[in-house]
Amino acid sequence: MEYRRLGKSGLQVSALSFGSWVTFAHQIENNVAEECMKVAYDNGINFFDNAEAYAGGKSEIVMGNILKKMNWDRSTYVVSSKVFWGGKLPNQMGLSKKHIVEACNNALKRLQVEYLDLYFCHRPDKNTPVEETVRAMDTLIQQGKILYWGTSEWSAQEIMEAYGIARQYGLTPPTMEQPQYNMFHRDKFEVEFNKLYSEIGLGTTIWSPLASGILTGKYNNEIPKDTRFELANMDWLKKEALGEDGQKNIEKAKQLTLLAKELNTNLPRLALAWCLKNKNVSTVITGASKVEQLKDNLQALEVVEKLTDDVLLQIETILNNKPKFPAY
């Protein structure tokens, strides 16, 4: 396993990490979740990602029970949660101080840990002053309930606003962002955030590196059974991934599958390795509904060295979506 610093912080996270979105308490049985976490940990993965919104908090309960059972030394793993969607009532969602504090306390109970290593604002909240959110996060840090805080799917402007407020008042600034990043979703990560990596040392914990499964190749011909697209409440994801643009991406996935075979690997490993190749990626969050899938993903680390300039050029030719920087 390779370990990378999370931005300019001193925290080291495994290049590949393991998340519970969609799978825990939803798609897979708890014993499978436990086996996956054990295999991940035994292979050097030290970062486990979660959120209050995942399965309505049940995902954190499953992960917390596993962490308690495994009894791993707390210094050997990093665990996160995210705050925004905690319920349907007015103060059960968003980034008010009330919800942030209560959500953190609830996450600690469900995960059965004394502190969260990472705590993300799952989305920006237009109804709460950014200063209130920044102060709430700083309070949790001063109380020792979280160690680092960051954002997820915020714009560069929103991140810099929070960063500036923190610096102005001597508070702890956000130091990490959890954006979607994969071969088909690039502009925000590569262009919009470009200056943030050097200017504030932004760390990144990227999600959906396989583009909701499109970059596994399993949708190259048809939608197989027992995939996330067949799950309840996932129609939005299915529509987004398999719409007109999604169909174009499937055609690209077919070409990438052939290229992967030429490199004696497969498409999932190639797609993960492509993400790992980016120096601004701190860790790639993977998920798995089967242990075999996780073990296969771990082999992506061996593919990174195969991504020579020539291979990267072939990939760019297939993708034909290289982001363009503004002329000004």
Protein backbone atom coordinates (compact mmCIF):
# COMPACT_ATOMS: atom_id res chain seq x y z
CA MET A 1 0.00 0.00 0.00
CA GLU A 2 1.10 3.53 -0.74
CA TYR A 3 0.39 6.32 1.74
CA ARG A 4 -0.10 9.96 0.89
CA ARG A 5 -0.36 13.09 2.99
CA LEU A 6 -3.86 14.55 3.03
CA GLY A 7 -3.04 17.86 1.40
CA LYS A 8 -0.58 19.89 3.44
CA SER A 9 -1.60 18.23 6.71
CA GLY A 10 0.61 15.69 8.41
CA LEU A 11 -2.09 13.02 8.23
CA GLN A 12 -1.23 10.06 6.03
CA VAL A 13 -4.00 8.15 4.28
CA SER A 14 -3.79 5.04 2.13
CA ALA A 15 -3.87 5.79 -1.59
CA LEU A 16 -6.87 3.48 -1.84
CA SER A 17 -9.52 3.82 0.86
CA PHE A 18 -12.83 2.10 1.56
CA GLY A 19 -16.29 3.68 1.70
CA SER A 20 -19.72 2.44 2.67
CA TRP A 21 -22.03 4.48 0.43
CA VAL A 22 -24.78 2.33 -1.21
CA THR A 23 -23.41 -0.93 0.17
CA PHE A 24 -23.48 -0.98 3.99
CA ALA A 25 -26.93 -1.62 5.51
CA HIS A 26 -28.40 -1.47 2.03
CA GLN A 27 -26.85 -3.63 -0.66
CA ILE A 28 -24.78 -6.16 1.30
CA GLU A 29 -25.18 -8.23 4.44
CA ASN A 30 -23.30 -7.18 7.57
CA ASN A 31 -21.01 -10.21 7.47
CA VAL A 32 -19.89 -9.24 3.96
CA ALA A 33 -19.27 -5.68 5.13
CA GLU A 34 -17.15 -7.05 7.97
CA GLU A 35 -15.12 -9.28 5.69
CA CYS A 36 -14.54 -6.40 3.26
CA MET A 37 -13.30 -4.10 6.01
CA LYS A 38 -11.00 -6.78 7.35
CA VAL A 39 -9.53 -7.50 3.91
CA ALA A 40 -9.11 -3.77 3.33
CA TYR A 41 -7.35 -3.25 6.67
CA ASP A 42 -5.14 -6.32 6.24
CA ASN A 43 -4.03 -4.94 2.86
CA GLY A 44 -3.00 -1.58 4.26
CA ILE A 45 -6.14 0.51 3.79
CA ASN A 46 -6.33 2.86 6.76
CA PHE A 47 -9.14 5.23 5.79
CA PHE A 48 -12.82 4.27 6.09
CA ASP A 49 -15.40 6.75 4.83
CA ASN A 50 -18.99 7.15 6.02
CA ALA A 51 -21.79 9.73 6.42
CA GLU A 52 -24.91 10.34 8.45
CA ALA A 53 -26.93 10.18 5.22
CA TYR A 54 -25.78 6.68 4.26
CA ALA A 55 -28.73 4.35 4.87
CA GLY A 56 -30.13 6.92 7.30
CA GLY A 57 -27.28 6.40 9.79
CA LYS A 58 -27.44 2.59 9.65
CA SER A 59 -24.24 2.48 7.60
CA GLU A 60 -22.37 4.09 10.49
CA ILE A 61 -23.89 1.58 12.91
CA VAL A 62 -22.67 -1.33 10.79
CA MET A 63 -19.19 0.15 10.52
CA GLY A 64 -19.11 1.00 14.22
CA ASN A 65 -19.97 -2.56 15.20
CA ILE A 66 -17.21 -3.86 12.94
CA LEU A 67 -14.64 -1.44 14.37
CA LYS A 68 -15.59 -2.46 17.89
CA LYS A 69 -15.37 -6.17 17.04
CA MET A 70 -12.04 -5.88 15.22
CA ASN A 71 -10.60 -3.83 18.09
CA TRP A 72 -7.89 -2.36 15.89
CA ASP A 73 -5.53 0.11 17.53
CA ARG A 74 -7.18 3.51 17.05
CA SER A 75 -3.94 4.98 15.79
CA THR A 76 -3.93 2.58 12.83
CA TYR A 77 -7.05 3.78 11.05
CA VAL A 78 -8.80 6.97 9.98
CA VAL A 79 -12.59 7.21 10.02
CA SER A 80 -14.81 9.95 8.63
CA SER A 81 -18.38 11.09 8.64
CA LYS A 82 -20.26 13.77 6.75
CA VAL A 83 -22.97 16.15 7.90
CA PHE A 84 -25.93 17.60 6.03
CA TRP A 85 -28.80 15.10 5.59
CA GLY A 86 -29.73 13.86 9.05
CA GLY A 87 -33.51 13.82 8.74
CA LYS A 88 -36.50 15.59 7.22
CA LEU A 89 -37.39 18.05 9.99
CA PRO A 90 -36.06 21.65 9.86
CA ASN A 91 -33.07 21.30 12.20
CA GLN A 92 -32.18 17.77 11.16
CA MET A 93 -30.38 18.86 8.02
CA GLY A 94 -28.06 21.56 6.77
CA LEU A 95 -24.98 23.13 8.31
CA SER A 96 -26.32 25.12 11.25
CA LYS A 97 -24.31 24.91 14.46
CA LYS A 98 -27.16 22.96 16.06
CA HIS A 99 -27.23 20.28 13.39
CA ILE A 100 -23.45 20.04 13.01
CA VAL A 101 -22.95 19.50 16.76
CA GLU A 102 -25.83 17.05 17.13
CA ALA A 103 -24.89 15.15 13.97
CA CYS A 104 -21.30 14.80 15.17
CA ASN A 105 -22.40 13.47 18.55
CA ASN A 106 -24.72 10.99 16.86
CA ALA A 107 -21.99 9.86 14.46
CA LEU A 108 -19.62 9.25 17.37
CA LYS A 109 -22.24 7.06 19.04
CA ARG A 110 -23.05 5.09 15.90
CA LEU A 111 -19.39 4.58 14.96
CA GLN A 112 -18.48 3.89 18.60
CA VAL A 113 -15.36 6.06 18.51
CA GLU A 114 -14.23 8.92 20.74
CA TYR A 115 -13.41 11.22 17.85
CA LEU A 116 -13.71 11.50 14.07
CA ASP A 117 -10.48 11.92 12.17
CA LEU A 118 -12.24 13.68 9.30
CA TYR A 119 -15.58 15.49 9.27
CA PHE A 120 -17.02 16.77 6.00
CA CYS A 121 -19.77 19.27 5.20
CA HIS A 122 -21.57 16.98 2.76
CA ARG A 123 -22.92 19.87 0.64
CA PRO A 124 -22.91 23.68 0.90
CA ASP A 125 -25.84 25.16 2.81
CA LYS A 126 -27.28 28.31 1.24
CA ASN A 127 -29.47 28.89 4.30
CA THR A 128 -26.68 29.05 6.90
CA PRO A 129 -23.97 31.75 7.13
CA VAL A 130 -20.61 30.24 6.29
CA GLU A 131 -19.12 31.82 9.40
CA GLU A 132 -21.57 29.87 11.57
CA THR A 133 -20.49 26.62 9.93
CA VAL A 134 -16.79 27.43 10.25
CA ARG A 135 -17.16 28.33 13.93
CA ALA A 136 -19.12 25.14 14.63
CA MET A 137 -16.41 23.01 13.07
CA ASP A 138 -13.71 24.86 14.97
CA THR A 139 -15.61 24.28 18.21
CA LEU A 140 -15.72 20.53 17.56
CA ILE A 141 -11.98 20.55 16.91
CA GLN A 142 -11.30 22.44 20.14
CA GLN A 143 -13.45 19.89 21.98
CA GLY A 144 -11.42 17.03 20.48
CA LYS A 145 -14.44 15.49 18.77
CA ILE A 146 -12.95 15.89 15.28
CA LEU A 147 -9.36 16.32 14.13
CA TYR A 148 -9.76 17.79 10.63
CA TRP A 149 -12.70 19.19 8.73
CA GLY A 150 -13.46 19.71 5.11
CA THR A 151 -16.12 19.93 2.45
CA SER A 152 -17.78 17.70 -0.12
CA GLU A 153 -18.98 18.92 -3.51
CA TRP A 154 -18.36 22.57 -2.65
CA SER A 155 -17.20 25.01 -5.31
CA ALA A 156 -13.73 26.52 -5.18
CA GLN A 157 -15.31 29.88 -4.36
CA GLU A 158 -17.25 28.42 -1.43
CA ILE A 159 -14.16 26.67 -0.09
CA MET A 160 -12.11 29.86 -0.29
CA GLU A 161 -14.86 31.82 1.45
CA ALA A 162 -14.79 29.39 4.38
CA TYR A 163 -10.99 29.37 4.35
CA GLY A 164 -10.85 33.17 4.39
CA ILE A 165 -13.31 33.45 7.29
CA ALA A 166 -11.31 30.91 9.28
CA ARG A 167 -8.07 32.81 8.73
CA GLN A 168 -9.71 36.15 9.52
CA TYR A 169 -10.93 35.01 12.94
CA GLY A 170 -8.13 32.61 13.85
CA LEU A 171 -10.29 29.51 13.40
CA THR A 172 -9.41 26.12 11.91
CA PRO A 173 -9.86 26.27 8.11
CA PRO A 174 -11.16 23.45 5.89
CA THR A 175 -8.20 21.46 4.62
CA MET A 176 -9.81 18.84 2.41
CA GLU A 177 -12.53 18.36 -0.19
CA GLN A 178 -14.36 15.21 -1.23
CA PRO A 179 -15.25 15.69 -4.91
CA GLN A 180 -16.40 13.28 -7.54
CA TYR A 181 -13.50 12.49 -9.87
CA ASN A 182 -13.13 9.93 -12.61
CA MET A 183 -12.35 9.65 -16.31
CA PHE A 184 -15.73 11.14 -17.21
CA HIS A 185 -15.98 13.78 -14.47
CA ARG A 186 -12.87 15.96 -14.59
CA ASP A 187 -13.41 19.70 -15.01
CA LYS A 188 -14.03 20.65 -11.41
CA PHE A 189 -11.13 18.66 -10.02
CA GLU A 190 -8.57 19.51 -12.70
CA VAL A 191 -9.48 23.11 -13.52
CA GLU A 192 -11.68 24.76 -10.86
CA PHE A 193 -9.66 23.42 -7.94
CA ASN A 194 -6.28 23.75 -9.66
CA LYS A 195 -5.01 26.77 -7.71
CA LEU A 196 -6.33 25.47 -4.38
CA TYR A 197 -3.83 22.61 -4.32
CA SER A 198 -0.88 25.00 -4.21
CA GLU A 199 -2.48 28.04 -2.55
CA ILE A 200 -4.06 26.35 0.49
CA GLY A 201 -2.70 22.80 0.23
CA LEU A 202 -6.11 21.25 -0.38
CA GLY A 203 -6.28 17.51 0.19
CA THR A 204 -8.79 15.36 -1.71
CA THR A 205 -10.66 12.17 -0.91
CA ILE A 206 -12.27 11.44 -4.25
CA TRP A 207 -15.48 9.44 -4.69
CA SER A 208 -17.04 7.53 -7.61
CA PRO A 209 -13.70 6.74 -9.31
CA LEU A 210 -15.50 4.09 -11.38
CA ALA A 211 -18.29 6.44 -12.46
CA SER A 212 -21.08 4.58 -10.66
CA GLY A 213 -19.90 1.33 -12.20
CA ILE A 214 -19.69 2.47 -15.83
CA LEU A 215 -15.89 2.13 -15.63
CA THR A 216 -16.12 -1.47 -14.47
CA GLY A 217 -17.34 -2.49 -17.91
CA LYS A 218 -20.29 -4.41 -16.49
CA TYR A 219 -22.74 -2.14 -18.30
CA ASN A 220 -21.03 -2.48 -21.67
CA ASN A 221 -23.85 -4.65 -23.02
CA GLU A 222 -26.78 -4.52 -20.61
CA ILE A 223 -27.67 -3.81 -17.00
CA PRO A 224 -27.02 -6.98 -14.99
CA LYS A 225 -29.05 -7.86 -11.94
CA ASP A 226 -27.88 -7.12 -8.39
CA THR A 227 -26.26 -3.77 -9.24
CA ARG A 228 -26.85 -0.40 -7.57
CA PHE A 229 -29.02 0.67 -10.52
CA GLU A 230 -31.56 -1.94 -9.48
CA LEU A 231 -31.73 -0.73 -5.89
CA ALA A 232 -34.64 1.24 -4.48
CA ASN A 233 -34.13 5.03 -4.52
CA MET A 234 -31.36 4.75 -7.12
CA ASP A 235 -33.44 5.71 -10.16
CA TRP A 236 -31.80 9.15 -10.16
CA LEU A 237 -28.37 7.58 -10.43
CA LYS A 238 -29.48 5.19 -13.14
CA LYS A 239 -31.01 8.02 -15.16
CA GLU A 240 -27.88 10.16 -14.80
CA ALA A 241 -25.40 7.43 -15.61
CA LEU A 242 -27.31 5.76 -18.42
CA GLY A 243 -28.82 8.81 -20.12
CA GLU A 244 -27.57 10.21 -23.43
CA ASP A 245 -24.17 11.18 -22.01
CA GLY A 246 -24.04 7.90 -20.12
CA GLN A 247 -24.50 5.93 -23.31
CA LYS A 248 -21.59 7.83 -24.87
CA ASN A 249 -19.49 6.97 -21.84
CA ILE A 250 -20.39 3.29 -22.17
CA GLU A 251 -19.02 3.36 -25.72
CA LYS A 252 -15.81 4.86 -24.35
CA ALA A 253 -15.75 2.20 -21.64
CA LYS A 254 -15.79 -0.46 -24.32
CA GLN A 255 -12.70 1.05 -25.96
CA LEU A 256 -10.98 1.43 -22.59
CA THR A 257 -11.73 -2.23 -21.85
CA LEU A 258 -9.76 -3.22 -24.94
CA LEU A 259 -6.86 -0.97 -23.93
CA ALA A 260 -6.85 -2.49 -20.45
CA LYS A 261 -6.55 -5.96 -21.96
CA GLU A 262 -3.53 -4.80 -23.97
CA LEU A 263 -1.95 -3.78 -20.65
CA ASN A 264 -2.76 -7.21 -19.13
CA THR A 265 -5.21 -5.73 -16.66
CA ASN A 266 -8.91 -4.88 -16.56
CA LEU A 267 -10.97 -1.71 -16.81
CA PRO A 268 -11.65 -1.16 -13.08
CA ARG A 269 -7.95 -1.34 -12.22
CA LEU A 270 -7.10 0.93 -15.16
CA ALA A 271 -9.68 3.51 -14.11
CA LEU A 272 -8.52 3.49 -10.48
CA ALA A 273 -4.87 3.69 -11.52
CA TRP A 274 -5.70 6.67 -13.74
CA CYS A 275 -7.08 8.50 -10.70
CA LEU A 276 -4.09 7.50 -8.58
CA LYS A 277 -1.77 8.91 -11.23
CA ASN A 278 -3.00 12.42 -10.45
CA LYS A 279 -0.68 13.96 -7.85
CA ASN A 280 -3.53 16.03 -6.39
CA VAL A 281 -5.48 12.92 -5.40
CA SER A 282 -4.82 12.14 -1.75
CA THR A 283 -6.90 8.97 -1.66
CA VAL A 284 -9.32 7.15 -3.94
CA ILE A 285 -12.44 5.95 -2.11
CA THR A 286 -13.45 2.52 -3.35
CA GLY A 287 -16.54 0.53 -2.52
CA ALA A 288 -17.35 -3.14 -2.92
CA SER A 289 -20.34 -5.43 -2.71
CA LYS A 290 -18.11 -8.51 -2.84
CA VAL A 291 -14.75 -9.31 -1.27
CA GLU A 292 -13.44 -10.46 -4.66
CA GLN A 293 -14.24 -7.03 -6.08
CA LEU A 294 -12.25 -5.33 -3.32
CA LYS A 295 -9.27 -7.62 -3.84
CA ASP A 296 -9.32 -6.86 -7.55
CA ASN A 297 -9.45 -3.11 -6.91
CA LEU A 298 -6.39 -3.35 -4.67
CA GLN A 299 -4.37 -4.50 -7.66
CA ALA A 300 -4.85 -1.07 -9.26
CA LEU A 301 -1.74 0.07 -7.41
CA GLU A 302 0.31 -2.22 -9.64
CA VAL A 303 -1.15 -0.67 -12.79
CA VAL A 304 -0.06 2.91 -12.07
CA GLU A 305 3.46 2.27 -13.36
CA LYS A 306 1.99 1.01 -16.65
CA LEU A 307 0.46 4.43 -17.32
CA THR A 308 3.29 5.79 -19.41
CA ASP A 309 2.97 9.00 -21.40
CA ASP A 310 2.04 6.94 -24.44
CA VAL A 311 -0.70 5.03 -22.60
CA LEU A 312 -2.06 8.25 -21.07
CA LEU A 313 -2.22 9.74 -24.56
CA GLN A 314 -4.20 6.73 -25.78
CA ILE A 315 -6.60 7.19 -22.87
CA GLU A 316 -7.01 10.90 -23.62
CA THR A 317 -7.75 10.07 -27.27
CA ILE A 318 -10.51 7.69 -26.24
CA LEU A 319 -11.97 10.02 -23.61
CA ASN A 320 -11.74 13.16 -25.75
CA ASN A 321 -12.74 15.28 -22.75
CA LYS A 322 -9.53 16.89 -21.50
CA PRO A 323 -10.56 19.98 -19.52
CA LYS A 324 -9.57 23.35 -20.91
CA PHE A 325 -8.30 26.16 -18.72
CA PRO A 326 -9.82 29.63 -19.21
CA ALA A 327 -7.89 31.83 -21.63
CA TYR A 328 -7.70 34.69 -19.11
